[in-house]
């Protein structure tokens, strides 16, 4: 079936040019020169897509955009005069599929039409399988959850995927902004192009221009070859700017021009190169406040924030925690190549649903990874989660109280573990404060574990201390060193190590594991038995704590 299009513009020559281009692409088109004529054509015919100018003799093309978007899902693109970006952004917000600038460039027009045809094809496939389209299946399989807040979010993502408008993803850290950005790309007509994610806060400011726009050989010291920038790599696809709030002001100016003109110029080059990309951006910061404070350019803010999509926190979708946990456990089983898939007990699942997730979905996965490591069997119980005990039948405990109880409970559990381990290998470690702490070894530090104290860092035992030189140690210095150390029972009453809970506990755990390995001649199986853990758990801990076989010679 032949594709049909409606072209609306008051310039006769431009209309003829667009009509010829569409005919060569196998598309039949009708031309309207006024808004009223366009309305008449649209009412009397069925078109697959529409291309309209914004400045018409008897009205604005924005009116036509709003009417078509409100009454159908037909893609409609707009033609704007050079420098009319504000009007183009307004059209995108009203539902326009994309825009093209005057003077009209035929390659850009062809690309826009091809993207529109892809959207039409997706709509046809979806209508042929109304029960569950391929896009809906992909969305449900990758964006886990069916809570009340997730249904409108999924519908919005499907709508955004059809458009070419810039999207700004806002939400707390760990809510899955990159997951949603990749979904928008994979559901869009640009799915065959590249999805290029970049963390704006991870690029040094002096290298940022080269990373984004590329450079030519010899353009500066060290430029030994031509380099393609991120914009060129994303050509035909999507560029995802994560943590866009961390961009320095000098780079914001250059990025604004690249987004507006859709052209980039590499460092050392003399000409600009056109790029066809869609911009998605995200940050966990309040971008509007940064604009008011002068830390982020207002004009760039309006360019990237054409459509804002707010992602809910995990605390706002607690009904999804069981299915999310099941999903992550399946991923862990596959990635770690476990023979028996782990599962949560009902009590553990209920405890997770009452936990205050400061780190959102990312924190949930970290908790499950730790629990799988500590569990002696495939069944994960409440004690494997490493969370503070709460009475879920009573009212919600304030967040600050939860944080304090989490720290105290973790320290008390650590002290108990130390005492049991010391009884097993006490003769070898009398001079070593040890701790086989069942807490995460990931580098993700959530607010509940970021407590600090005034304890001096010198109070932590030097990890290079020899385990077999007890007789050569000066008794006076030993007594002084013992007085300087702070044991865990003291810490549980209000003090924490100066370098932080995670670092302190990891050092203690590392010392205990090394001691057990030395006692058994670095036989991991026997060391695991001494420590009262499994071989798999010991191997995982050694990898996390960077304990290598080379240390057996030291």
Protein backbone atom coordinates (compact mmCIF):
# COMPACT_ATOMS: atom_id res chain seq x y z
CA UNK A 1 0.00 0.00 0.00
CA UNK A 2 1.33 3.44 -1.01
CA UNK A 3 2.28 5.80 1.79
CA UNK A 4 0.61 9.20 1.63
CA UNK A 5 1.70 12.50 3.16
CA UNK A 6 0.29 16.00 3.57
CA UNK A 7 2.72 18.87 2.95
CA UNK A 8 1.72 22.31 4.30
CA UNK A 9 3.73 25.42 3.35
CA UNK A 10 3.02 28.78 1.75
CA UNK A 11 6.19 28.73 -0.40
CA UNK A 12 5.36 27.15 -3.75
CA UNK A 13 8.95 26.32 -4.74
CA UNK A 14 9.66 24.66 -1.39
CA UNK A 15 6.48 22.61 -1.64
CA UNK A 16 7.46 21.38 -5.10
CA UNK A 17 10.93 20.44 -3.85
CA UNK A 18 9.49 18.43 -0.94
CA UNK A 19 6.91 16.81 -3.25
CA UNK A 20 9.63 15.70 -5.69
CA UNK A 21 11.74 14.31 -2.84
CA UNK A 22 8.80 12.36 -1.43
CA UNK A 23 7.87 11.01 -4.86
CA UNK A 24 11.41 9.66 -5.33
CA UNK A 25 10.99 7.87 -1.98
CA UNK A 26 7.77 6.24 -3.22
CA UNK A 27 5.44 8.49 -1.21
CA UNK A 28 2.35 10.16 -2.67
CA UNK A 29 1.75 13.67 -1.32
CA UNK A 30 -0.84 16.46 -1.35
CA UNK A 31 0.12 20.11 -0.92
CA UNK A 32 -1.76 22.73 1.10
CA UNK A 33 -0.70 26.40 1.12
CA UNK A 34 -2.85 27.63 4.02
CA UNK A 35 -4.02 26.37 7.41
CA UNK A 36 -7.66 26.19 6.32
CA UNK A 37 -6.75 24.24 3.19
CA UNK A 38 -4.67 21.84 5.29
CA UNK A 39 -7.61 21.24 7.64
CA UNK A 40 -9.86 20.50 4.67
CA UNK A 41 -7.36 18.03 3.18
CA UNK A 42 -6.89 16.32 6.55
CA UNK A 43 -10.63 15.95 7.08
CA UNK A 44 -11.31 14.47 3.63
CA UNK A 45 -8.32 12.11 3.36
CA UNK A 46 -6.33 9.59 5.38
CA UNK A 47 -2.62 10.46 5.55
CA UNK A 48 0.22 8.46 7.03
CA UNK A 49 2.15 11.54 8.13
CA UNK A 50 2.16 15.32 7.85
CA UNK A 51 4.87 17.92 7.26
CA UNK A 52 3.89 21.51 8.04
CA UNK A 53 5.44 24.95 8.21
CA UNK A 54 4.83 26.92 11.40
CA UNK A 55 4.29 30.30 9.74
CA UNK A 56 1.19 30.15 7.53
CA UNK A 57 -0.79 33.05 6.01
CA UNK A 58 -3.99 32.38 7.96
CA UNK A 59 -2.62 31.00 11.21
CA UNK A 60 0.10 29.04 12.95
CA UNK A 61 1.20 25.52 12.16
CA UNK A 62 1.13 24.91 15.92
CA UNK A 63 -2.66 24.79 15.73
CA UNK A 64 -2.49 22.00 13.16
CA UNK A 65 0.09 20.14 15.27
CA UNK A 66 -2.19 20.27 18.32
CA UNK A 67 -5.29 19.21 16.38
CA UNK A 68 -3.61 16.21 14.72
CA UNK A 69 -1.78 15.10 17.88
CA UNK A 70 -4.95 15.25 19.96
CA UNK A 71 -7.08 13.33 17.46
CA UNK A 72 -4.69 10.66 16.13
CA UNK A 73 -1.27 9.01 16.46
CA UNK A 74 -0.15 10.14 12.99
CA UNK A 75 3.43 11.48 13.00
CA UNK A 76 3.59 15.19 12.24
CA UNK A 77 6.85 17.09 11.68
CA UNK A 78 7.33 20.85 11.50
CA UNK A 79 9.44 23.15 9.34
CA UNK A 80 10.96 26.13 11.15
CA UNK A 81 12.77 29.22 9.99
CA UNK A 82 16.43 29.50 10.95
CA UNK A 83 16.72 30.65 14.55
CA UNK A 84 13.15 29.71 15.51
CA UNK A 85 14.17 27.02 18.00
CA UNK A 86 11.68 28.20 20.61
CA UNK A 87 8.80 27.53 18.21
CA UNK A 88 10.23 24.13 17.32
CA UNK A 89 10.46 23.20 21.01
CA UNK A 90 6.88 24.36 21.54
CA UNK A 91 5.77 22.14 18.64
CA UNK A 92 7.59 19.15 20.13
CA UNK A 93 5.86 19.70 23.45
CA UNK A 94 2.50 19.79 21.66
CA UNK A 95 3.20 16.38 20.13
CA UNK A 96 5.24 17.01 16.97
CA UNK A 97 7.32 14.03 15.90
CA UNK A 98 10.40 16.02 14.80
CA UNK A 99 11.43 19.27 13.13
CA UNK A 100 13.61 20.43 10.23
CA UNK A 101 15.13 23.88 9.77
CA UNK A 102 15.07 26.22 6.78
CA UNK A 103 16.91 26.47 4.44
CA UNK A 104 15.81 22.91 3.81
CA UNK A 105 18.57 20.32 3.49
CA UNK A 106 17.42 17.30 1.49
CA UNK A 107 19.52 14.68 3.39
CA UNK A 108 17.98 15.92 6.65
CA UNK A 109 14.48 15.82 5.10
CA UNK A 110 15.00 12.25 3.87
CA UNK A 111 16.21 11.17 7.31
CA UNK A 112 13.13 12.71 8.94
CA UNK A 113 10.80 10.96 6.48
CA UNK A 114 12.56 7.61 7.00
CA UNK A 115 12.11 7.94 10.77
CA UNK A 116 8.44 8.75 10.24
CA UNK A 117 8.04 5.62 8.08
CA UNK A 118 9.58 3.51 10.84
CA UNK A 119 7.06 4.90 13.34
CA UNK A 120 4.24 4.11 10.91
CA UNK A 121 5.54 0.54 10.56
CA UNK A 122 5.67 0.12 14.36
CA UNK A 123 2.09 1.38 14.65
CA UNK A 124 0.93 -1.08 11.99
CA UNK A 125 2.60 -3.99 13.79
CA UNK A 126 1.09 -2.90 17.10
CA UNK A 127 -2.40 -2.68 15.60
CA UNK A 128 -2.01 -6.15 14.06
CA UNK A 129 -1.24 -7.64 17.49
CA UNK A 130 -3.47 -5.65 19.86
CA UNK A 131 -3.10 -8.14 22.71
CA UNK A 132 0.63 -7.47 23.17
CA UNK A 133 2.87 -5.66 20.70
CA UNK A 134 6.63 -6.39 20.45
CA UNK A 135 7.31 -2.97 21.96
CA UNK A 136 5.04 -3.70 24.93
CA UNK A 137 6.72 -7.07 25.48
CA UNK A 138 10.17 -5.46 25.44
CA UNK A 139 9.00 -2.78 27.86
CA UNK A 140 7.53 -5.29 30.31
CA UNK A 141 10.60 -7.54 30.20
CA UNK A 142 13.12 -4.76 30.83
CA UNK A 143 11.22 -2.32 33.05
CA UNK A 144 10.21 -4.60 35.90
CA UNK A 145 7.12 -3.80 37.93
CA UNK A 146 3.35 -3.45 37.73
CA UNK A 147 2.65 -1.09 40.61
CA UNK A 148 0.31 1.88 40.27
CA UNK A 149 3.11 4.34 39.46
CA UNK A 150 4.60 2.10 36.78
CA UNK A 151 1.60 1.90 34.43
CA UNK A 152 1.57 5.61 33.47
CA UNK A 153 5.38 5.57 33.30
CA UNK A 154 5.35 2.74 30.75
CA UNK A 155 2.69 4.47 28.65
CA UNK A 156 4.73 7.67 28.64
CA UNK A 157 7.88 5.81 27.58
CA UNK A 158 6.04 4.31 24.60
CA UNK A 159 4.88 7.78 23.56
CA UNK A 160 8.34 9.29 23.98
CA UNK A 161 9.89 6.50 21.91
CA UNK A 162 7.81 7.55 18.89
CA UNK A 163 9.02 11.14 19.09
CA UNK A 164 12.41 12.64 18.34
CA UNK A 165 12.10 15.30 21.03
CA UNK A 166 14.87 15.66 23.64
CA UNK A 167 13.89 14.00 26.93
CA UNK A 168 15.18 14.89 30.39
CA UNK A 169 15.08 12.06 32.94
CA UNK A 170 14.96 13.19 36.55
CA UNK A 171 15.01 11.06 39.67
CA UNK A 172 17.09 10.00 42.63
CA UNK A 173 20.28 8.00 42.22
CA UNK A 174 19.63 4.34 41.52
CA UNK A 175 16.11 4.71 40.07
CA UNK A 176 17.14 3.35 36.66
CA UNK A 177 17.58 6.44 34.49
CA UNK A 178 19.98 4.75 32.07
CA UNK A 179 17.68 1.70 31.84
CA UNK A 180 14.80 3.97 30.77
CA UNK A 181 17.02 5.93 28.37
CA UNK A 182 18.15 2.73 26.66
CA UNK A 183 14.53 1.56 26.49
CA UNK A 184 13.44 4.79 24.79
CA UNK A 185 16.20 4.26 22.22
CA UNK A 186 15.43 0.58 21.60
CA UNK A 187 11.72 1.31 21.18
CA UNK A 188 12.31 4.25 18.83
CA UNK A 189 12.89 4.41 15.06
CA UNK A 190 16.58 4.92 15.92
CA UNK A 191 16.92 1.41 17.35
CA UNK A 192 19.23 0.38 14.49
CA UNK A 193 21.61 3.24 15.35
CA UNK A 194 24.04 3.47 18.23
CA UNK A 195 23.10 4.22 21.82
CA UNK A 196 26.05 6.16 23.25
CA UNK A 197 25.90 6.77 27.03
CA UNK A 198 28.35 9.21 28.58
CA UNK A 199 28.80 10.23 32.21
CA UNK A 200 29.44 13.98 32.00
CA UNK A 201 30.94 14.04 35.49
CA UNK A 202 33.57 11.42 34.65
CA UNK A 203 35.29 13.33 31.82
CA UNK A 204 38.10 15.77 32.78
CA UNK A 205 37.16 19.31 31.72
CA UNK A 206 40.29 19.71 29.59
CA UNK A 207 39.40 16.62 27.54
CA UNK A 208 35.68 17.24 27.29
CA UNK A 209 35.62 19.02 23.93
CA UNK A 210 37.78 16.33 22.35
CA UNK A 211 35.57 13.58 23.79
CA UNK A 212 32.34 15.13 22.57
CA UNK A 213 33.39 16.52 19.16
CA UNK A 214 36.60 14.62 18.33
CA UNK A 215 39.89 16.01 17.06
CA UNK A 216 42.15 15.94 14.02
CA UNK A 217 45.64 14.54 13.98
CA UNK A 218 48.21 17.10 15.14
CA UNK A 219 45.61 19.54 16.49
CA UNK A 220 47.32 19.48 19.90
CA UNK A 221 50.14 17.70 21.70
CA UNK A 222 49.35 14.02 21.88
CA UNK A 223 46.83 14.02 19.03
CA UNK A 224 48.65 11.33 17.04
CA UNK A 225 45.58 10.30 15.02
CA UNK A 226 42.10 11.50 14.10
CA UNK A 227 39.53 10.77 16.77
CA UNK A 228 35.79 10.52 16.34
CA UNK A 229 33.77 12.30 19.03
CA UNK A 230 30.72 11.03 20.89
CA UNK A 231 28.39 13.05 18.66
CA UNK A 232 29.77 11.36 15.55
CA UNK A 233 29.60 7.94 17.21
CA UNK A 234 25.92 8.51 17.99
CA UNK A 235 25.10 9.70 14.46
CA UNK A 236 21.82 8.09 13.43
CA UNK A 237 21.18 7.01 17.01
CA UNK A 238 20.89 8.41 20.53
CA UNK A 239 23.34 10.27 22.76
CA UNK A 240 22.59 9.85 26.48
CA UNK A 241 24.12 12.58 28.68
CA UNK A 242 24.11 11.14 32.19
CA UNK A 243 24.75 13.54 35.09
CA UNK A 244 24.42 16.47 32.68
CA UNK A 245 24.41 18.87 35.64
CA UNK A 246 28.15 18.23 36.06
CA UNK A 247 29.01 19.86 32.72
CA UNK A 248 31.24 22.95 33.13
CA UNK A 249 29.76 26.22 31.87
CA UNK A 250 32.30 26.52 29.06
CA UNK A 251 31.22 23.15 27.67
CA UNK A 252 27.54 23.98 28.06
CA UNK A 253 27.88 26.77 25.47
CA UNK A 254 29.43 24.43 22.89
CA UNK A 255 26.91 21.70 23.61
CA UNK A 256 24.04 24.15 23.14
CA UNK A 257 25.24 25.06 19.65
CA UNK A 258 25.69 21.43 18.66
CA UNK A 259 22.15 20.60 19.78
CA UNK A 260 20.61 23.63 18.05
CA UNK A 261 22.46 23.42 14.75
CA UNK A 262 22.86 19.64 14.69
CA UNK A 263 26.41 20.12 13.46
CA UNK A 264 29.77 19.61 15.17
CA UNK A 265 33.32 20.66 14.37
CA UNK A 266 36.23 18.57 15.57
CA UNK A 267 39.21 20.27 17.23
CA UNK A 268 41.63 21.28 14.48
CA UNK A 269 39.06 20.91 11.70
CA UNK A 270 37.94 23.77 9.44
CA UNK A 271 34.43 22.61 8.61
CA UNK A 272 31.36 21.54 10.50
CA UNK A 273 29.89 18.08 10.05
CA UNK A 274 26.12 17.50 10.26
CA UNK A 275 24.96 14.89 12.79
CA UNK A 276 21.57 13.24 13.18
CA UNK A 277 21.17 12.39 16.84
CA UNK A 278 18.56 12.40 19.56
CA UNK A 279 19.57 13.83 22.92
CA UNK A 280 18.50 12.15 26.16
CA UNK A 281 19.84 13.57 29.43
CA UNK A 282 19.59 12.78 33.12
CA UNK A 283 20.73 13.90 36.54
CA UNK A 284 19.81 13.26 40.16
CA UNK A 285 20.26 16.97 40.96
CA UNK A 286 17.62 19.70 40.82
CA UNK A 287 18.49 21.29 37.49
CA UNK A 288 16.05 24.20 37.88
CA UNK A 289 17.76 25.22 41.13
CA UNK A 290 21.15 25.06 39.41
CA UNK A 291 19.78 27.37 36.70
CA UNK A 292 18.63 29.86 39.34
CA UNK A 293 22.02 29.66 41.01
CA UNK A 294 23.87 30.31 37.75
CA UNK A 295 25.58 26.91 37.68
CA UNK A 296 23.65 25.75 34.60
CA UNK A 297 22.73 27.73 31.51
CA UNK A 298 19.04 28.50 31.18
CA UNK A 299 19.02 28.25 27.37
CA UNK A 300 20.61 24.78 27.47
CA UNK A 301 18.13 23.76 30.17
CA UNK A 302 15.21 24.55 27.87
CA UNK A 303 16.85 22.73 24.95
CA UNK A 304 17.36 19.42 26.77
CA UNK A 305 14.25 19.65 28.95
CA UNK A 306 11.65 19.66 26.17
CA UNK A 307 9.91 16.72 27.86
CA UNK A 308 10.68 15.79 31.48
CA UNK A 309 10.15 12.25 32.72
CA UNK A 310 10.31 11.77 36.49
CA UNK A 311 11.25 8.30 37.70
CA UNK A 312 9.72 7.07 40.98
CA UNK A 313 11.84 5.95 43.93
CA UNK A 314 11.75 2.33 45.06
CA UNK A 315 10.03 3.43 48.28
CA UNK A 316 7.15 4.70 46.12
CA UNK A 317 6.73 1.30 44.44
CA UNK A 318 7.15 -1.22 47.26
CA UNK A 319 4.72 -3.62 45.59
CA UNK A 320 7.36 -4.17 42.89
CA UNK A 321 10.08 -5.26 45.34
CA UNK A 322 9.24 -9.01 45.27
CA UNK A 323 9.26 -9.20 41.47
CA UNK A 324 12.37 -7.01 41.28
CA UNK A 325 14.13 -9.26 43.79
CA UNK A 326 13.18 -12.32 41.77
CA UNK A 327 14.51 -10.66 38.62
CA UNK A 328 17.85 -9.74 40.22
CA UNK A 329 18.27 -13.20 41.76
CA UNK A 330 17.81 -14.70 38.29
CA UNK A 331 20.44 -12.32 36.92
CA UNK A 332 22.86 -13.19 39.74
CA UNK A 333 22.31 -16.91 39.10
CA UNK A 334 23.19 -16.44 35.45
CA UNK A 335 26.16 -14.10 35.98
CA UNK A 336 27.70 -16.13 38.82
CA UNK A 337 26.84 -19.46 37.15
CA UNK A 338 25.19 -20.85 40.26
CA UNK A 339 23.94 -24.42 40.14
CA UNK A 340 20.90 -23.78 42.35
CA UNK A 341 18.96 -20.54 41.85
CA UNK A 342 18.66 -18.66 45.17
CA UNK A 343 15.27 -17.61 46.49
CA UNK A 344 13.91 -15.42 49.28
CA UNK A 345 11.91 -16.73 52.21
CA UNK A 346 8.57 -15.04 52.87
CA UNK A 347 10.03 -13.31 55.93
CA UNK A 348 13.00 -11.96 53.94
CA UNK A 349 10.73 -10.71 51.18
CA UNK A 350 8.49 -8.98 53.71
CA UNK A 351 11.51 -7.42 55.41
CA UNK A 352 12.71 -5.98 52.10
CA UNK A 353 9.32 -4.42 51.50
CA UNK A 354 9.63 -2.50 54.79
CA UNK A 355 13.21 -1.35 54.26
CA UNK A 356 13.91 2.32 53.55
CA UNK A 357 15.81 2.17 50.24
CA UNK A 358 17.97 5.28 50.10
CA UNK A 359 19.83 3.84 47.10
CA UNK A 360 16.67 2.63 45.34
CA UNK A 361 16.91 -0.26 42.85
CA UNK A 362 20.71 -0.23 42.89
CA UNK A 363 20.73 -0.73 46.67
CA UNK A 364 18.26 -3.61 46.35
CA UNK A 365 20.59 -5.45 43.98
CA UNK A 366 23.60 -4.88 46.25
CA UNK A 367 21.67 -6.28 49.24
CA UNK A 368 20.73 -9.38 47.25
CA UNK A 369 24.30 -9.95 46.03
CA UNK A 370 25.53 -9.80 49.61
CA UNK A 371 22.75 -12.12 50.79
CA UNK A 372 23.52 -14.73 48.11
CA UNK A 373 27.17 -14.67 49.17
CA UNK A 374 26.43 -15.11 52.88
CA UNK A 375 23.66 -17.70 52.59
CA UNK A 376 24.76 -21.26 53.30
CA UNK A 377 22.06 -22.64 51.02
CA UNK A 378 19.86 -21.41 48.20
CA UNK A 379 17.33 -20.09 50.74
CA UNK A 380 17.92 -16.44 51.69
CA UNK A 381 16.54 -15.59 55.12
CA UNK A 382 16.19 -12.29 56.98
CA UNK A 383 19.55 -12.62 58.76
CA UNK A 384 21.35 -12.88 55.40
CA UNK A 385 20.07 -9.48 54.30
CA UNK A 386 22.19 -7.56 56.82
CA UNK A 387 19.35 -5.15 57.62
CA UNK A 388 18.34 -3.83 61.00
CA UNK A 389 15.49 -5.59 62.78
CA UNK A 390 12.21 -3.67 62.88
CA UNK A 391 8.71 -4.48 64.08
CA UNK A 392 6.72 -4.25 60.86
CA UNK A 393 3.44 -4.44 62.78
CA UNK A 394 4.05 -1.03 64.36
CA UNK A 395 4.09 2.39 62.82
CA UNK A 396 6.86 3.45 60.46
CA UNK A 397 10.09 4.31 62.26
CA UNK A 398 11.54 7.72 61.31
CA UNK A 399 14.23 7.56 58.66
CA UNK A 400 17.00 8.95 60.90
CA UNK A 401 16.20 6.38 63.58
CA UNK A 402 16.33 3.60 60.98
CA UNK A 403 19.78 4.74 59.91
CA UNK A 404 21.09 4.82 63.49
CA UNK A 405 19.67 1.39 64.28
CA UNK A 406 21.12 -0.03 61.08
CA UNK A 407 24.63 1.01 62.09
CA UNK A 408 24.34 -0.28 65.67
CA UNK A 409 22.80 -3.59 64.57
CA UNK A 410 25.49 -4.13 61.97
CA UNK A 411 28.28 -3.48 64.49
CA UNK A 412 26.76 -5.84 67.06
CA UNK A 413 26.44 -8.58 64.45
CA UNK A 414 30.05 -7.99 63.45
CA UNK A 415 31.26 -8.31 67.06
CA UNK A 416 29.45 -11.64 67.47
CA UNK A 417 30.99 -12.95 64.25
CA UNK A 418 34.46 -11.91 65.43
CA UNK A 419 34.10 -13.74 68.74
CA UNK A 420 33.09 -16.97 66.99
CA UNK A 421 35.96 -16.72 64.51
CA UNK A 422 38.48 -15.91 67.24
CA UNK A 423 37.57 -19.10 69.09
CA UNK A 424 38.35 -21.11 65.96
CA UNK A 425 41.79 -19.64 65.23
CA UNK A 426 42.64 -17.76 68.43
CA UNK A 427 46.23 -19.07 68.83
CA UNK A 428 47.28 -17.48 65.57
CA UNK A 429 45.58 -14.13 65.82
CA UNK A 430 45.89 -12.94 69.40
CA UNK A 431 47.51 -9.68 68.33
CA UNK A 432 45.21 -9.05 65.35
CA UNK A 433 41.81 -7.32 65.74
CA UNK A 434 39.73 -9.31 63.29
CA UNK A 435 36.31 -9.12 61.78
CA UNK A 436 34.56 -11.36 59.31
CA UNK A 437 31.86 -8.82 58.68
CA UNK A 438 28.76 -9.90 56.78
CA UNK A 439 28.27 -6.57 55.10
CA UNK A 440 28.55 -5.57 51.49
CA UNK A 441 31.92 -5.31 49.80
CA UNK A 442 30.55 -3.17 46.98
CA UNK A 443 31.82 0.38 46.63
CA UNK A 444 28.26 1.76 46.64
CA UNK A 445 27.93 3.65 49.93
CA UNK A 446 24.38 4.58 50.82
CA UNK A 447 23.49 7.27 53.37
CA UNK A 448 22.61 4.69 56.02
CA UNK A 449 26.23 3.56 56.06
CA UNK A 450 27.98 6.93 55.78
CA UNK A 451 28.31 7.73 59.47
CA UNK A 452 31.57 9.36 60.49
CA UNK A 453 33.31 9.90 63.84
CA UNK A 454 36.28 11.65 65.32
CA UNK A 455 38.26 8.44 65.80
CA UNK A 456 41.77 8.97 64.45
CA UNK A 457 42.74 6.88 61.43
CA UNK A 458 45.88 5.74 63.26
CA UNK A 459 43.65 3.64 65.50
CA UNK A 460 43.21 1.08 62.72
CA UNK A 461 45.74 -1.75 62.73
CA UNK A 462 48.51 -1.53 60.14
CA UNK A 463 47.74 -4.36 57.66
CA UNK A 464 51.46 -5.08 57.18
CA UNK A 465 51.89 -6.20 60.81
CA UNK A 466 53.56 -9.61 60.97
CA UNK A 467 51.55 -12.41 62.51
CA UNK A 468 54.55 -14.42 63.78
CA UNK A 469 56.66 -11.74 65.49
CA UNK A 470 54.76 -11.56 68.76
CA UNK A 471 57.86 -12.21 70.88
CA UNK A 472 59.85 -9.40 69.21
CA UNK A 473 57.22 -6.72 69.83
CA UNK A 474 58.01 -4.22 72.56
CA UNK A 475 55.55 -4.87 75.43
CA UNK A 476 55.24 -1.16 76.15
CA UNK A 477 54.47 -0.28 72.56
CA UNK A 478 52.01 -3.16 72.40
CA UNK A 479 50.19 -1.88 75.45
CA UNK A 480 50.15 1.65 74.03
CA UNK A 481 48.85 0.39 70.70
CA UNK A 482 46.12 -1.58 72.46
CA UNK A 483 45.04 1.51 74.34
CA UNK A 484 44.79 3.48 71.09
CA UNK A 485 42.54 0.92 69.37
CA UNK A 486 38.79 1.18 69.58
CA UNK A 487 37.01 -2.13 69.78
CA UNK A 488 33.63 -2.77 68.20
CA UNK A 489 31.71 -2.75 71.47
CA UNK A 490 32.89 0.83 72.06
CA UNK A 491 32.06 1.79 68.50
CA UNK A 492 28.52 0.50 68.89
CA UNK A 493 27.91 3.05 71.60
CA UNK A 494 28.46 6.04 69.39
CA UNK A 495 31.91 5.99 67.79
CA UNK A 496 32.82 5.08 64.23
CA UNK A 497 36.21 4.85 62.49
CA UNK A 498 37.46 8.06 60.94
CA UNK A 499 37.85 6.49 57.51
CA UNK A 500 34.31 5.14 57.49
CA UNK A 501 32.45 1.98 58.37
CA UNK A 502 32.95 0.19 55.04
CA UNK A 503 36.73 0.65 54.89
CA UNK A 504 37.19 -0.31 58.55
CA UNK A 505 35.14 -3.50 58.28
CA UNK A 506 36.75 -4.53 55.00
CA UNK A 507 40.23 -4.14 56.54
CA UNK A 508 39.21 -6.27 59.52
CA UNK A 509 37.70 -8.94 57.28
CA UNK A 510 40.76 -8.98 55.03
CA UNK A 511 43.12 -9.53 57.98
CA UNK A 512 41.06 -12.45 59.28
CA UNK A 513 40.89 -14.17 55.89
CA UNK A 514 44.64 -13.79 55.31
CA UNK A 515 45.36 -15.19 58.78
CA UNK A 516 43.17 -18.24 58.16
CA UNK A 517 44.78 -18.79 54.75
CA UNK A 518 48.27 -18.62 56.24
CA UNK A 519 47.36 -21.10 58.95
CA UNK A 520 46.11 -23.60 56.34
CA UNK A 521 48.96 -23.03 53.89
CA UNK A 522 46.64 -21.08 51.59
CA UNK A 523 44.26 -24.01 51.23
CA UNK A 524 40.97 -22.24 50.55
CA UNK A 525 38.76 -25.20 51.43
CA UNK A 526 40.35 -25.64 54.87
CA UNK A 527 40.41 -21.88 55.45
CA UNK A 528 36.71 -21.69 54.68
CA UNK A 529 36.03 -24.42 57.26
CA UNK A 530 38.06 -22.54 59.88
CA UNK A 531 36.12 -19.36 59.18
CA UNK A 532 32.79 -21.16 59.30
CA UNK A 533 31.84 -20.21 55.76
CA UNK A 534 31.60 -21.85 52.35
CA UNK A 535 34.29 -22.16 49.72
CA UNK A 536 32.20 -20.11 47.31
CA UNK A 537 31.71 -17.36 49.86
CA UNK A 538 35.44 -17.27 50.67
CA UNK A 539 36.41 -17.08 47.02
CA UNK A 540 33.93 -14.24 46.46
CA UNK A 541 35.27 -12.32 49.47
CA UNK A 542 38.89 -12.78 48.33
CA UNK A 543 38.01 -11.36 44.95
CA UNK A 544 36.15 -8.39 46.42
CA UNK A 545 38.93 -7.63 48.93
CA UNK A 546 41.67 -8.14 46.30
CA UNK A 547 43.41 -10.94 48.20
CA UNK A 548 45.69 -12.73 45.73
CA UNK A 549 47.88 -15.82 45.89
CA UNK A 550 50.91 -13.53 45.67
CA UNK A 551 50.36 -12.51 49.29
CA UNK A 552 51.16 -16.06 50.39
CA UNK A 553 54.83 -15.33 49.76
CA UNK A 554 54.85 -12.22 51.92
